[in-house]
């Protein structure tokens, strides 16, 4: 189910070109941004990304009677199920913003962390259902950062294992690396990637440059400062 969002394309990712996205992204990147301001900016940029990502949702014609006449508008179909799937823990930073845009969505969680020695993802929690609804849900996979792509690929593998098609998965992140985008697109070319920025590169420790540091630590105030 391809996205029809009229946005810029960079390295096979859809980058959202909007002045407010750039404004809040600058605040998120700034190392001097306070915890409160960081959370505030993350919420706003996340909401803008989700509005763009939601263009993937199919619609149907619906007649509406205004005070003057009947008109036809496009609405989300009642039978279209929508899932939000934040990758714990950093993905929680996008959950509230995503629910503001898609309040009808069900929320499932995948717990992954990156082994700092191998840079490989390790699964520690999931609550995916054993039986999928019919029709199959459109699923928004949420994680602020797409670095090496390992966690994203592992999460997509888990969603695929319970019966979802990669065509029904949209990966939403705030910042991506070219390496991460390439890794996901090589493994799953049908998964749409929507982001605020595809940055320059990864460093030797697997962090995005220029990036914003560790999104989870900055979001949850666990930087140790």
N, C-alpha and C. Protein backbone atom coordinates (compact mmCIF):
# COMPACT_ATOMS: atom_id res chain seq x y z
N UNK A 1 0.86 -1.20 0.00
CA UNK A 1 0.00 0.00 0.00
C UNK A 1 0.89 1.24 0.00
N UNK A 2 1.32 1.72 -1.16
CA UNK A 2 2.28 2.81 -1.22
C UNK A 2 1.71 4.13 -0.73
N UNK A 3 2.59 4.97 -0.18
CA UNK A 3 2.16 6.29 0.25
C UNK A 3 2.05 7.21 -0.95
N UNK A 4 1.09 8.13 -0.89
CA UNK A 4 0.93 9.10 -1.96
C UNK A 4 1.30 10.49 -1.50
N UNK A 5 2.10 10.56 -0.42
CA UNK A 5 2.43 11.85 0.17
C UNK A 5 3.28 12.69 -0.78
N UNK A 6 2.90 13.95 -1.02
CA UNK A 6 3.69 14.81 -1.89
C UNK A 6 4.88 15.39 -1.15
N UNK A 7 5.88 14.56 -0.91
CA UNK A 7 7.04 14.99 -0.14
C UNK A 7 8.30 14.67 -0.91
N UNK A 8 9.42 15.25 -0.47
CA UNK A 8 10.69 15.01 -1.11
C UNK A 8 11.16 13.59 -0.86
N UNK A 9 11.89 13.04 -1.82
CA UNK A 9 12.42 11.70 -1.66
C UNK A 9 13.94 11.76 -1.58
N UNK A 10 14.50 11.10 -0.56
CA UNK A 10 15.94 11.07 -0.37
C UNK A 10 16.35 9.67 0.01
N UNK A 11 17.19 9.05 -0.83
CA UNK A 11 17.70 7.71 -0.55
C UNK A 11 16.57 6.73 -0.25
N UNK A 12 15.49 6.80 -1.02
CA UNK A 12 14.36 5.89 -0.87
C UNK A 12 13.54 6.14 0.40
N UNK A 13 13.74 7.26 1.06
CA UNK A 13 12.90 7.66 2.19
C UNK A 13 12.10 8.90 1.80
N UNK A 14 10.90 9.02 2.34
CA UNK A 14 10.09 10.21 2.13
C UNK A 14 10.43 11.20 3.22
N UNK A 15 11.02 12.32 2.85
CA UNK A 15 11.37 13.35 3.83
C UNK A 15 10.32 14.45 3.79
N UNK A 16 9.81 14.80 4.94
CA UNK A 16 8.72 15.77 5.03
C UNK A 16 9.29 17.18 4.99
N UNK A 17 8.98 17.88 3.93
CA UNK A 17 9.50 19.24 3.71
C UNK A 17 8.46 20.24 4.19
N UNK A 18 8.65 20.73 5.41
CA UNK A 18 7.70 21.68 6.01
C UNK A 18 8.49 22.61 6.93
N UNK A 19 8.21 23.91 6.90
CA UNK A 19 8.99 24.84 7.73
C UNK A 19 8.92 24.53 9.22
N UNK A 20 7.78 24.06 9.71
CA UNK A 20 7.67 23.76 11.14
C UNK A 20 8.45 22.50 11.51
N UNK A 21 8.55 21.55 10.57
CA UNK A 21 9.39 20.38 10.83
C UNK A 21 10.84 20.83 11.03
N UNK A 22 11.32 21.70 10.15
CA UNK A 22 12.67 22.23 10.29
C UNK A 22 12.87 22.99 11.59
N UNK A 23 11.86 23.76 11.98
CA UNK A 23 11.93 24.56 13.21
C UNK A 23 12.10 23.66 14.44
N UNK A 24 11.21 22.65 14.56
CA UNK A 24 11.28 21.78 15.72
C UNK A 24 12.49 20.85 15.67
N UNK A 25 12.91 20.49 14.48
CA UNK A 25 14.10 19.65 14.35
C UNK A 25 15.34 20.38 14.84
N UNK A 26 15.42 21.67 14.57
CA UNK A 26 16.56 22.45 15.07
C UNK A 26 16.60 22.44 16.60
N UNK A 27 15.44 22.53 17.23
CA UNK A 27 15.37 22.49 18.69
C UNK A 27 15.79 21.13 19.23
N UNK A 28 15.35 20.06 18.56
CA UNK A 28 15.69 18.71 19.00
C UNK A 28 17.18 18.45 18.88
N UNK A 29 17.80 18.95 17.84
CA UNK A 29 19.23 18.71 17.63
C UNK A 29 20.10 19.45 18.65
N UNK A 30 19.67 20.60 19.09
CA UNK A 30 20.47 21.48 19.95
C UNK A 30 20.76 20.80 21.29
N UNK A 31 22.03 20.64 21.61
CA UNK A 31 22.40 19.96 22.85
C UNK A 31 22.02 20.76 24.09
N UNK A 32 21.77 22.07 23.94
CA UNK A 32 21.40 22.90 25.08
C UNK A 32 19.90 22.93 25.34
N UNK A 33 19.11 22.28 24.50
CA UNK A 33 17.66 22.25 24.68
C UNK A 33 17.32 21.52 25.98
N UNK A 34 16.45 22.13 26.79
CA UNK A 34 16.07 21.53 28.06
C UNK A 34 15.21 20.29 27.85
N UNK A 35 15.05 19.51 28.91
CA UNK A 35 14.24 18.30 28.84
C UNK A 35 12.81 18.63 28.43
N UNK A 36 12.24 19.65 29.06
CA UNK A 36 10.88 20.05 28.71
C UNK A 36 10.78 20.47 27.26
N UNK A 37 11.71 21.32 26.80
CA UNK A 37 11.67 21.81 25.42
C UNK A 37 11.90 20.67 24.43
N UNK A 38 12.76 19.72 24.79
CA UNK A 38 13.02 18.58 23.92
C UNK A 38 11.76 17.76 23.72
N UNK A 39 11.08 17.45 24.84
CA UNK A 39 9.84 16.68 24.74
C UNK A 39 8.78 17.43 23.94
N UNK A 40 8.69 18.71 24.15
CA UNK A 40 7.72 19.53 23.43
C UNK A 40 7.99 19.50 21.93
N UNK A 41 9.26 19.66 21.56
CA UNK A 41 9.63 19.66 20.14
C UNK A 41 9.43 18.28 19.52
N UNK A 42 9.77 17.22 20.26
CA UNK A 42 9.59 15.86 19.75
C UNK A 42 8.11 15.60 19.45
N UNK A 43 7.25 16.07 20.34
CA UNK A 43 5.82 15.86 20.14
C UNK A 43 5.34 16.56 18.87
N UNK A 44 5.78 17.80 18.68
CA UNK A 44 5.30 18.57 17.54
C UNK A 44 5.83 18.03 16.22
N UNK A 45 7.11 17.69 16.16
CA UNK A 45 7.62 17.15 14.91
C UNK A 45 7.01 15.77 14.65
N UNK A 46 6.80 15.00 15.72
CA UNK A 46 6.16 13.69 15.56
C UNK A 46 4.76 13.82 15.00
N UNK A 47 4.03 14.80 15.47
CA UNK A 47 2.65 15.00 14.98
C UNK A 47 2.64 15.37 13.50
N UNK A 48 3.57 16.23 13.09
CA UNK A 48 3.65 16.62 11.69
C UNK A 48 4.02 15.43 10.80
N UNK A 49 4.93 14.59 11.28
CA UNK A 49 5.30 13.41 10.52
C UNK A 49 4.12 12.45 10.38
N UNK A 50 3.34 12.30 11.45
CA UNK A 50 2.21 11.39 11.41
C UNK A 50 1.10 11.90 10.49
N UNK A 51 0.91 13.20 10.43
CA UNK A 51 -0.06 13.75 9.49
C UNK A 51 0.33 13.37 8.06
N UNK A 52 1.63 13.45 7.77
CA UNK A 52 2.11 13.07 6.44
C UNK A 52 1.97 11.57 6.23
N UNK A 53 2.35 10.79 7.24
CA UNK A 53 2.29 9.33 7.13
C UNK A 53 0.85 8.86 6.94
N UNK A 54 -0.10 9.57 7.54
CA UNK A 54 -1.50 9.15 7.47
C UNK A 54 -2.09 9.28 6.07
N UNK A 55 -1.35 9.91 5.16
CA UNK A 55 -1.82 9.98 3.77
C UNK A 55 -1.84 8.59 3.14
N UNK A 56 -1.20 7.63 3.79
CA UNK A 56 -1.22 6.24 3.29
C UNK A 56 -2.55 5.55 3.56
N UNK A 57 -3.38 6.11 4.43
CA UNK A 57 -4.61 5.45 4.81
C UNK A 57 -5.64 5.55 3.69
N UNK A 58 -6.21 4.43 3.26
CA UNK A 58 -7.22 4.48 2.19
C UNK A 58 -8.51 5.13 2.68
N UNK A 59 -9.21 5.75 1.78
CA UNK A 59 -10.46 6.43 2.13
C UNK A 59 -11.59 5.93 1.24
N UNK A 60 -12.81 6.35 1.60
CA UNK A 60 -14.00 6.03 0.81
C UNK A 60 -14.87 7.28 0.71
N UNK A 61 -15.70 7.32 -0.30
CA UNK A 61 -16.60 8.45 -0.48
C UNK A 61 -17.72 8.39 0.56
N UNK A 62 -18.06 9.56 1.09
CA UNK A 62 -19.12 9.64 2.11
C UNK A 62 -19.92 10.91 1.88
N UNK A 63 -21.24 10.75 1.77
CA UNK A 63 -22.12 11.91 1.58
C UNK A 63 -22.38 12.61 2.90
N UNK A 64 -22.26 13.93 2.88
CA UNK A 64 -22.47 14.76 4.07
C UNK A 64 -23.49 15.84 3.72
N UNK A 65 -24.47 15.99 4.60
CA UNK A 65 -25.48 17.04 4.39
C UNK A 65 -25.09 18.28 5.17
N UNK A 66 -24.72 19.33 4.47
CA UNK A 66 -24.41 20.61 5.10
C UNK A 66 -25.72 21.37 5.33
N UNK A 67 -25.69 22.52 5.99
CA UNK A 67 -26.92 23.31 6.13
C UNK A 67 -27.52 23.76 4.80
N UNK A 68 -26.74 23.66 3.70
CA UNK A 68 -27.20 24.16 2.41
C UNK A 68 -27.45 23.08 1.37
N UNK A 69 -26.65 22.00 1.39
CA UNK A 69 -26.81 20.96 0.38
C UNK A 69 -26.04 19.72 0.77
N UNK A 70 -26.14 18.69 -0.05
CA UNK A 70 -25.39 17.46 0.18
C UNK A 70 -24.10 17.51 -0.64
N UNK A 71 -23.00 17.15 0.00
CA UNK A 71 -21.71 17.09 -0.68
C UNK A 71 -21.03 15.76 -0.36
N UNK A 72 -20.08 15.39 -1.17
CA UNK A 72 -19.36 14.13 -0.98
C UNK A 72 -17.92 14.41 -0.55
N UNK A 73 -17.53 13.79 0.55
CA UNK A 73 -16.17 13.94 1.05
C UNK A 73 -15.51 12.56 1.15
N UNK A 74 -14.20 12.55 1.28
CA UNK A 74 -13.44 11.32 1.46
C UNK A 74 -13.16 11.12 2.95
N UNK A 75 -13.55 9.96 3.48
CA UNK A 75 -13.34 9.66 4.89
C UNK A 75 -12.62 8.31 5.00
N UNK A 76 -12.02 8.07 6.15
CA UNK A 76 -11.38 6.79 6.40
C UNK A 76 -12.45 5.72 6.52
N UNK A 77 -12.25 4.61 5.83
CA UNK A 77 -13.23 3.54 5.86
C UNK A 77 -13.38 2.94 7.24
N UNK A 78 -14.62 2.61 7.61
CA UNK A 78 -14.87 2.05 8.94
C UNK A 78 -14.19 0.70 9.14
N UNK A 79 -13.95 -0.02 8.05
CA UNK A 79 -13.36 -1.35 8.18
C UNK A 79 -11.84 -1.34 8.12
N UNK A 80 -11.24 -0.15 7.96
CA UNK A 80 -9.78 -0.09 7.90
C UNK A 80 -9.19 -0.03 9.30
N UNK A 81 -8.54 -1.10 9.72
CA UNK A 81 -7.88 -1.13 11.01
C UNK A 81 -6.52 -0.44 10.93
N UNK A 82 -6.17 0.26 11.99
CA UNK A 82 -4.90 0.98 12.04
C UNK A 82 -4.17 0.58 13.32
N UNK A 83 -2.92 0.23 13.19
CA UNK A 83 -2.08 -0.08 14.35
C UNK A 83 -0.97 0.94 14.47
N UNK A 84 -0.61 1.24 15.70
CA UNK A 84 0.63 1.95 16.02
C UNK A 84 1.52 0.96 16.75
N UNK A 85 2.78 0.89 16.36
CA UNK A 85 3.70 -0.06 16.99
C UNK A 85 5.01 0.66 17.32
N UNK A 86 5.06 1.30 18.51
CA UNK A 86 6.32 1.92 18.91
C UNK A 86 7.36 0.88 19.32
N UNK A 87 8.59 1.10 18.89
CA UNK A 87 9.70 0.26 19.32
C UNK A 87 10.22 0.83 20.64
N UNK A 88 10.09 0.04 21.71
CA UNK A 88 10.49 0.50 23.04
C UNK A 88 12.01 0.63 23.11
N UNK A 89 12.50 1.64 23.92
CA UNK A 89 11.63 2.55 24.61
C UNK A 89 11.44 3.86 23.86
N UNK A 90 12.40 4.19 22.99
CA UNK A 90 12.40 5.51 22.36
C UNK A 90 11.15 5.75 21.52
N UNK A 91 10.57 4.68 20.97
CA UNK A 91 9.38 4.85 20.15
C UNK A 91 8.20 5.44 20.89
N UNK A 92 8.21 5.33 22.22
CA UNK A 92 7.15 5.93 23.03
C UNK A 92 7.12 7.45 22.85
N UNK A 93 8.26 8.03 22.45
CA UNK A 93 8.32 9.47 22.24
C UNK A 93 7.38 9.93 21.14
N UNK A 94 6.99 9.03 20.26
CA UNK A 94 6.10 9.37 19.15
C UNK A 94 4.67 8.89 19.36
N UNK A 95 4.43 8.10 20.39
CA UNK A 95 3.12 7.47 20.56
C UNK A 95 1.99 8.46 20.78
N UNK A 96 2.18 9.40 21.70
CA UNK A 96 1.10 10.34 22.00
C UNK A 96 0.76 11.20 20.79
N UNK A 97 1.79 11.67 20.08
CA UNK A 97 1.55 12.48 18.88
C UNK A 97 0.82 11.66 17.83
N UNK A 98 1.21 10.39 17.68
CA UNK A 98 0.56 9.52 16.70
C UNK A 98 -0.91 9.29 17.05
N UNK A 99 -1.20 9.13 18.35
CA UNK A 99 -2.59 8.91 18.77
C UNK A 99 -3.43 10.17 18.59
N UNK A 100 -2.83 11.34 18.69
CA UNK A 100 -3.58 12.55 18.41
C UNK A 100 -4.05 12.58 16.96
N UNK A 101 -3.21 12.11 16.06
CA UNK A 101 -3.55 12.10 14.64
C UNK A 101 -4.48 10.93 14.31
N UNK A 102 -4.25 9.78 14.96
CA UNK A 102 -5.01 8.56 14.66
C UNK A 102 -5.61 8.00 15.95
N UNK A 103 -6.61 8.67 16.52
CA UNK A 103 -7.17 8.23 17.80
C UNK A 103 -7.90 6.90 17.74
N UNK A 104 -8.18 6.43 16.53
CA UNK A 104 -8.86 5.14 16.40
C UNK A 104 -7.91 3.96 16.41
N UNK A 105 -6.61 4.23 16.47
CA UNK A 105 -5.61 3.17 16.31
C UNK A 105 -5.47 2.30 17.55
N UNK A 106 -5.16 1.03 17.32
CA UNK A 106 -4.72 0.14 18.40
C UNK A 106 -3.22 0.30 18.54
N UNK A 107 -2.72 0.08 19.77
CA UNK A 107 -1.29 0.26 20.03
C UNK A 107 -0.69 -1.05 20.53
N UNK A 108 0.32 -1.52 19.81
CA UNK A 108 1.08 -2.69 20.22
C UNK A 108 2.55 -2.29 20.35
N UNK A 109 3.27 -3.01 21.21
CA UNK A 109 4.64 -2.62 21.52
C UNK A 109 5.63 -3.72 21.18
N UNK A 110 6.80 -3.30 20.72
CA UNK A 110 7.94 -4.19 20.54
C UNK A 110 9.11 -3.63 21.33
N UNK A 111 9.66 -4.45 22.22
CA UNK A 111 10.80 -4.02 23.02
C UNK A 111 12.10 -4.53 22.42
N UNK A 112 12.92 -3.60 21.92
CA UNK A 112 14.22 -3.94 21.34
C UNK A 112 15.27 -3.01 21.92
N UNK A 113 16.46 -3.53 22.13
CA UNK A 113 17.57 -2.64 22.46
C UNK A 113 18.78 -3.04 21.63
N UNK A 114 19.69 -2.10 21.45
CA UNK A 114 20.86 -2.35 20.64
C UNK A 114 22.03 -2.76 21.52
N UNK A 115 22.58 -3.92 21.23
CA UNK A 115 23.79 -4.37 21.90
C UNK A 115 24.93 -3.47 21.44
N UNK A 116 25.50 -2.72 22.38
CA UNK A 116 26.50 -1.72 22.01
C UNK A 116 27.80 -2.35 21.51
N UNK A 117 28.02 -3.62 21.82
CA UNK A 117 29.24 -4.28 21.34
C UNK A 117 29.09 -4.73 19.89
N UNK A 118 27.92 -5.30 19.57
CA UNK A 118 27.70 -5.85 18.23
C UNK A 118 26.87 -4.94 17.34
N UNK A 119 26.19 -3.95 17.95
CA UNK A 119 25.24 -3.06 17.27
C UNK A 119 24.03 -3.82 16.72
N UNK A 120 23.81 -5.04 17.24
CA UNK A 120 22.69 -5.87 16.80
C UNK A 120 21.50 -5.69 17.74
N UNK A 121 20.25 -5.79 17.23
CA UNK A 121 19.08 -5.64 18.09
C UNK A 121 18.82 -6.90 18.91
N UNK A 122 18.36 -6.70 20.13
CA UNK A 122 17.98 -7.79 21.03
C UNK A 122 16.53 -7.56 21.45
N UNK A 123 15.67 -8.56 21.28
CA UNK A 123 14.26 -8.44 21.65
C UNK A 123 14.06 -8.83 23.11
N UNK A 124 13.34 -7.99 23.87
CA UNK A 124 13.07 -8.30 25.27
C UNK A 124 11.59 -8.25 25.62
N UNK A 125 10.74 -7.74 24.69
CA UNK A 125 9.31 -7.66 25.00
C UNK A 125 8.52 -7.50 23.71
N UNK A 126 7.31 -8.09 23.67
CA UNK A 126 6.35 -7.81 22.60
C UNK A 126 4.96 -8.21 23.07
N UNK A 127 3.94 -7.53 22.56
CA UNK A 127 2.56 -7.90 22.88
C UNK A 127 1.71 -7.95 21.63
N UNK A 128 2.28 -8.47 20.56
CA UNK A 128 1.53 -8.60 19.31
C UNK A 128 0.44 -9.65 19.47
N UNK A 129 -0.70 -9.45 18.85
CA UNK A 129 -1.80 -10.41 18.98
C UNK A 129 -1.52 -11.71 18.23
N UNK A 130 -2.14 -12.79 18.68
CA UNK A 130 -1.98 -14.06 18.00
C UNK A 130 -2.82 -14.14 16.74
N UNK A 131 -3.93 -13.40 16.71
CA UNK A 131 -4.82 -13.43 15.55
C UNK A 131 -4.99 -12.01 15.01
N UNK A 132 -4.82 -11.86 13.71
CA UNK A 132 -4.94 -10.56 13.08
C UNK A 132 -6.38 -10.28 12.66
N UNK A 133 -6.76 -8.99 12.69
CA UNK A 133 -8.11 -8.64 12.22
C UNK A 133 -8.20 -8.76 10.70
N UNK A 134 -9.42 -8.80 10.21
CA UNK A 134 -9.67 -8.84 8.77
C UNK A 134 -10.58 -7.66 8.42
N UNK A 135 -10.18 -6.74 7.53
CA UNK A 135 -8.94 -6.76 6.77
C UNK A 135 -7.71 -6.48 7.63
N UNK A 136 -6.54 -6.81 7.10
CA UNK A 136 -5.30 -6.63 7.84
C UNK A 136 -5.05 -5.15 8.13
N UNK A 137 -4.48 -4.85 9.28
CA UNK A 137 -4.29 -3.45 9.67
C UNK A 137 -3.14 -2.77 8.93
N UNK A 138 -3.30 -1.49 8.70
CA UNK A 138 -2.21 -0.64 8.26
C UNK A 138 -1.41 -0.29 9.51
N UNK A 139 -0.11 -0.54 9.50
CA UNK A 139 0.69 -0.46 10.73
C UNK A 139 1.78 0.59 10.61
N UNK A 140 1.80 1.51 11.57
CA UNK A 140 2.82 2.55 11.64
C UNK A 140 3.84 2.15 12.71
N UNK A 141 5.04 1.82 12.26
CA UNK A 141 6.12 1.42 13.16
C UNK A 141 6.87 2.68 13.56
N UNK A 142 6.98 2.93 14.86
CA UNK A 142 7.48 4.21 15.36
C UNK A 142 8.82 4.07 16.08
N UNK A 143 9.79 4.86 15.68
CA UNK A 143 11.09 4.93 16.35
C UNK A 143 11.74 6.24 15.94
N UNK A 144 12.17 7.09 16.89
CA UNK A 144 12.72 8.39 16.50
C UNK A 144 13.93 8.31 15.58
N UNK A 145 14.74 7.26 15.73
CA UNK A 145 15.99 7.17 14.98
C UNK A 145 16.04 5.90 14.12
N UNK A 146 16.51 6.05 12.90
CA UNK A 146 16.83 4.91 12.04
C UNK A 146 18.33 4.98 11.78
N UNK A 147 19.09 4.25 12.59
CA UNK A 147 20.56 4.34 12.53
C UNK A 147 21.12 3.23 11.63
N UNK A 148 21.49 2.11 12.22
CA UNK A 148 22.02 1.00 11.40
C UNK A 148 20.92 0.29 10.64
N UNK A 149 19.67 0.41 11.11
CA UNK A 149 18.55 -0.29 10.50
C UNK A 149 18.27 -1.64 11.13
N UNK A 150 19.14 -2.08 12.03
CA UNK A 150 18.97 -3.40 12.64
C UNK A 150 17.69 -3.56 13.42
N UNK A 151 17.37 -2.57 14.27
CA UNK A 151 16.15 -2.66 15.07
C UNK A 151 14.91 -2.58 14.19
N UNK A 152 14.95 -1.70 13.19
CA UNK A 152 13.80 -1.57 12.29
C UNK A 152 13.55 -2.87 11.55
N UNK A 153 14.60 -3.49 11.04
CA UNK A 153 14.45 -4.75 10.30
C UNK A 153 13.95 -5.85 11.22
N UNK A 154 14.48 -5.91 12.44
CA UNK A 154 14.02 -6.93 13.39
C UNK A 154 12.54 -6.73 13.72
N UNK A 155 12.12 -5.47 13.87
CA UNK A 155 10.71 -5.19 14.16
C UNK A 155 9.82 -5.56 12.98
N UNK A 156 10.26 -5.25 11.78
CA UNK A 156 9.47 -5.60 10.59
C UNK A 156 9.37 -7.12 10.47
N UNK A 157 10.46 -7.82 10.77
CA UNK A 157 10.44 -9.29 10.73
C UNK A 157 9.39 -9.85 11.69
N UNK A 158 9.29 -9.26 12.88
CA UNK A 158 8.30 -9.73 13.85
C UNK A 158 6.88 -9.45 13.36
N UNK A 159 6.65 -8.27 12.79
CA UNK A 159 5.33 -7.96 12.27
C UNK A 159 4.97 -8.88 11.11
N UNK A 160 5.95 -9.17 10.27
CA UNK A 160 5.71 -10.08 9.16
C UNK A 160 5.43 -11.49 9.66
N UNK A 161 6.06 -11.88 10.76
CA UNK A 161 5.89 -13.24 11.27
C UNK A 161 4.48 -13.50 11.79
N UNK A 162 3.75 -12.44 12.18
CA UNK A 162 2.37 -12.64 12.65
C UNK A 162 1.36 -12.44 11.53
N UNK A 163 1.85 -12.19 10.30
CA UNK A 163 0.95 -12.17 9.16
C UNK A 163 0.81 -10.86 8.42
N UNK A 164 1.52 -9.81 8.86
CA UNK A 164 1.43 -8.54 8.14
C UNK A 164 2.31 -8.56 6.90
N UNK A 165 1.85 -7.91 5.85
CA UNK A 165 2.66 -7.73 4.66
C UNK A 165 3.50 -6.47 4.81
N UNK A 166 4.76 -6.49 4.33
CA UNK A 166 5.57 -5.26 4.38
C UNK A 166 4.90 -4.07 3.70
N UNK A 167 4.02 -4.33 2.73
CA UNK A 167 3.31 -3.25 2.05
C UNK A 167 2.36 -2.52 2.99
N UNK A 168 2.03 -3.16 4.13
CA UNK A 168 1.11 -2.54 5.09
C UNK A 168 1.85 -1.86 6.24
N UNK A 169 3.16 -1.77 6.14
CA UNK A 169 3.97 -1.21 7.22
C UNK A 169 4.60 0.10 6.77
N UNK A 170 4.44 1.14 7.58
CA UNK A 170 5.06 2.43 7.34
C UNK A 170 5.96 2.74 8.53
N UNK A 171 7.24 2.90 8.27
CA UNK A 171 8.20 3.20 9.34
C UNK A 171 8.33 4.72 9.46
N UNK A 172 8.03 5.24 10.65
CA UNK A 172 8.07 6.68 10.90
C UNK A 172 9.19 6.99 11.88
N UNK A 173 10.12 7.84 11.48
CA UNK A 173 11.22 8.24 12.35
C UNK A 173 11.49 9.73 12.17
N UNK A 174 12.21 10.30 13.11
CA UNK A 174 12.54 11.73 13.02
C UNK A 174 13.82 11.94 12.23
N UNK A 175 14.82 11.12 12.50
CA UNK A 175 16.10 11.23 11.80
C UNK A 175 16.53 9.85 11.34
N UNK A 176 17.03 9.78 10.11
CA UNK A 176 17.53 8.52 9.55
C UNK A 176 18.95 8.72 9.03
N UNK A 177 19.68 7.64 8.95
CA UNK A 177 20.99 7.65 8.29
C UNK A 177 20.84 7.05 6.90
N UNK A 178 21.69 7.42 5.95
CA UNK A 178 21.64 6.78 4.63
C UNK A 178 21.86 5.27 4.73
N UNK A 179 22.74 4.86 5.66
CA UNK A 179 23.02 3.44 5.82
C UNK A 179 21.79 2.69 6.33
N UNK A 180 21.08 3.29 7.27
CA UNK A 180 19.88 2.66 7.81
C UNK A 180 18.77 2.54 6.79
N UNK A 181 18.56 3.63 6.03
CA UNK A 181 17.54 3.60 4.98
C UNK A 181 17.87 2.51 3.95
N UNK A 182 19.14 2.45 3.55
CA UNK A 182 19.56 1.46 2.56
C UNK A 182 19.36 0.04 3.09
N UNK A 183 19.67 -0.18 4.38
CA UNK A 183 19.53 -1.51 4.96
C UNK A 183 18.07 -1.95 4.97
N UNK A 184 17.17 -1.06 5.39
CA UNK A 184 15.75 -1.39 5.45
C UNK A 184 15.20 -1.63 4.05
N UNK A 185 15.56 -0.76 3.11
CA UNK A 185 15.03 -0.87 1.76
C UNK A 185 15.58 -2.11 1.04
N UNK A 186 16.80 -2.52 1.38
CA UNK A 186 17.35 -3.74 0.80
C UNK A 186 16.59 -4.96 1.31
N UNK A 187 16.32 -4.95 2.63
CA UNK A 187 15.61 -6.09 3.22
C UNK A 187 14.12 -6.06 2.92
N UNK A 188 13.54 -4.86 2.93
CA UNK A 188 12.09 -4.72 2.75
C UNK A 188 11.79 -3.53 1.85
N UNK A 189 11.93 -3.69 0.55
CA UNK A 189 11.73 -2.56 -0.36
C UNK A 189 10.31 -1.99 -0.35
N UNK A 190 9.33 -2.78 0.10
CA UNK A 190 7.94 -2.31 0.09
C UNK A 190 7.55 -1.52 1.34
N UNK A 191 8.42 -1.46 2.32
CA UNK A 191 8.13 -0.69 3.54
C UNK A 191 8.42 0.79 3.27
N UNK A 192 7.42 1.63 3.47
CA UNK A 192 7.61 3.07 3.31
C UNK A 192 8.34 3.63 4.53
N UNK A 193 9.28 4.55 4.31
CA UNK A 193 10.01 5.22 5.38
C UNK A 193 9.70 6.70 5.30
N UNK A 194 9.18 7.25 6.39
CA UNK A 194 8.85 8.67 6.45
C UNK A 194 9.67 9.30 7.57
N UNK A 195 10.38 10.37 7.26
CA UNK A 195 11.30 10.97 8.22
C UNK A 195 11.37 12.47 8.04
N UNK A 196 11.90 13.16 9.06
CA UNK A 196 12.13 14.59 8.94
C UNK A 196 13.45 14.89 8.25
N UNK A 197 14.42 13.96 8.37
CA UNK A 197 15.74 14.22 7.77
C UNK A 197 16.50 12.92 7.56
N UNK A 198 17.15 12.80 6.41
CA UNK A 198 18.16 11.77 6.20
C UNK A 198 19.51 12.46 6.38
N UNK A 199 20.18 12.16 7.48
CA UNK A 199 21.41 12.84 7.83
C UNK A 199 22.61 12.31 7.03
N UNK A 200 23.81 12.79 7.38
CA UNK A 200 24.99 12.55 6.55
C UNK A 200 25.49 11.12 6.60
N UNK A 201 25.66 10.56 7.82
CA UNK A 201 26.28 9.24 7.93
C UNK A 201 26.21 8.74 9.36
N UNK A 202 26.65 7.50 9.57
CA UNK A 202 26.86 6.95 10.90
C UNK A 202 28.32 7.12 11.29
N UNK A 203 28.57 7.27 12.61
CA UNK A 203 29.96 7.26 13.07
C UNK A 203 30.37 5.83 13.41
N UNK A 204 31.59 5.67 13.92
CA UNK A 204 32.12 4.32 14.19
C UNK A 204 31.35 3.60 15.29
N UNK A 205 30.58 4.34 16.09
CA UNK A 205 29.78 3.73 17.15
C UNK A 205 28.33 3.50 16.74
N UNK A 206 28.01 3.76 15.48
CA UNK A 206 26.65 3.54 15.00
C UNK A 206 25.68 4.65 15.34
N UNK A 207 26.19 5.85 15.66
CA UNK A 207 25.33 7.00 15.92
C UNK A 207 25.24 7.87 14.67
N UNK A 208 24.06 8.47 14.48
CA UNK A 208 23.83 9.29 13.30
C UNK A 208 24.52 10.64 13.45
N UNK A 209 25.16 11.09 12.36
CA UNK A 209 25.79 12.41 12.30
C UNK A 209 25.09 13.27 11.26
N UNK A 210 24.71 14.54 11.56
CA UNK A 210 24.93 15.21 12.86
C UNK A 210 24.00 14.74 13.96
N UNK A 211 22.85 14.18 13.62
CA UNK A 211 21.98 13.54 14.60
C UNK A 211 21.49 14.44 15.70
N UNK A 212 21.18 13.80 16.85
CA UNK A 212 20.71 14.54 18.02
C UNK A 212 21.15 13.86 19.32
N UNK A 213 22.05 12.90 19.22
CA UNK A 213 22.45 12.14 20.39
C UNK A 213 21.55 10.93 20.57
N UNK A 214 21.40 10.48 21.81
CA UNK A 214 20.53 9.34 22.12
C UNK A 214 19.12 9.85 22.38
N UNK A 215 18.21 9.56 21.46
CA UNK A 215 16.84 10.10 21.56
C UNK A 215 16.14 9.62 22.82
N UNK A 216 16.32 8.34 23.16
CA UNK A 216 15.66 7.80 24.36
C UNK A 216 16.15 8.47 25.62
N UNK A 217 17.46 8.59 25.78
CA UNK A 217 18.01 9.23 26.97
C UNK A 217 17.56 10.68 27.08
N UNK A 218 17.56 11.39 25.97
CA UNK A 218 17.18 12.80 26.02
C UNK A 218 15.68 12.95 26.27
N UNK A 219 14.87 12.03 25.75
CA UNK A 219 13.43 12.12 25.91
C UNK A 219 13.02 11.79 27.34
N UNK A 220 13.68 10.81 27.95
CA UNK A 220 13.28 10.34 29.28
C UNK A 220 14.17 10.87 30.40
N UNK A 221 15.07 11.78 30.07
CA UNK A 221 15.88 12.44 31.09
C UNK A 221 16.87 11.52 31.77
N UNK A 222 17.43 10.55 31.02
CA UNK A 222 18.34 9.57 31.60
C UNK A 222 19.75 9.70 31.02
N UNK A 223 20.12 10.94 30.69
CA UNK A 223 21.45 11.17 30.12
C UNK A 223 22.54 11.11 31.17
N UNK A 224 22.16 11.13 32.46
CA UNK A 224 23.14 11.08 33.53
C UNK A 224 23.69 12.43 33.92
N UNK A 225 23.18 13.48 33.31
CA UNK A 225 23.67 14.83 33.63
C UNK A 225 22.93 15.40 34.83
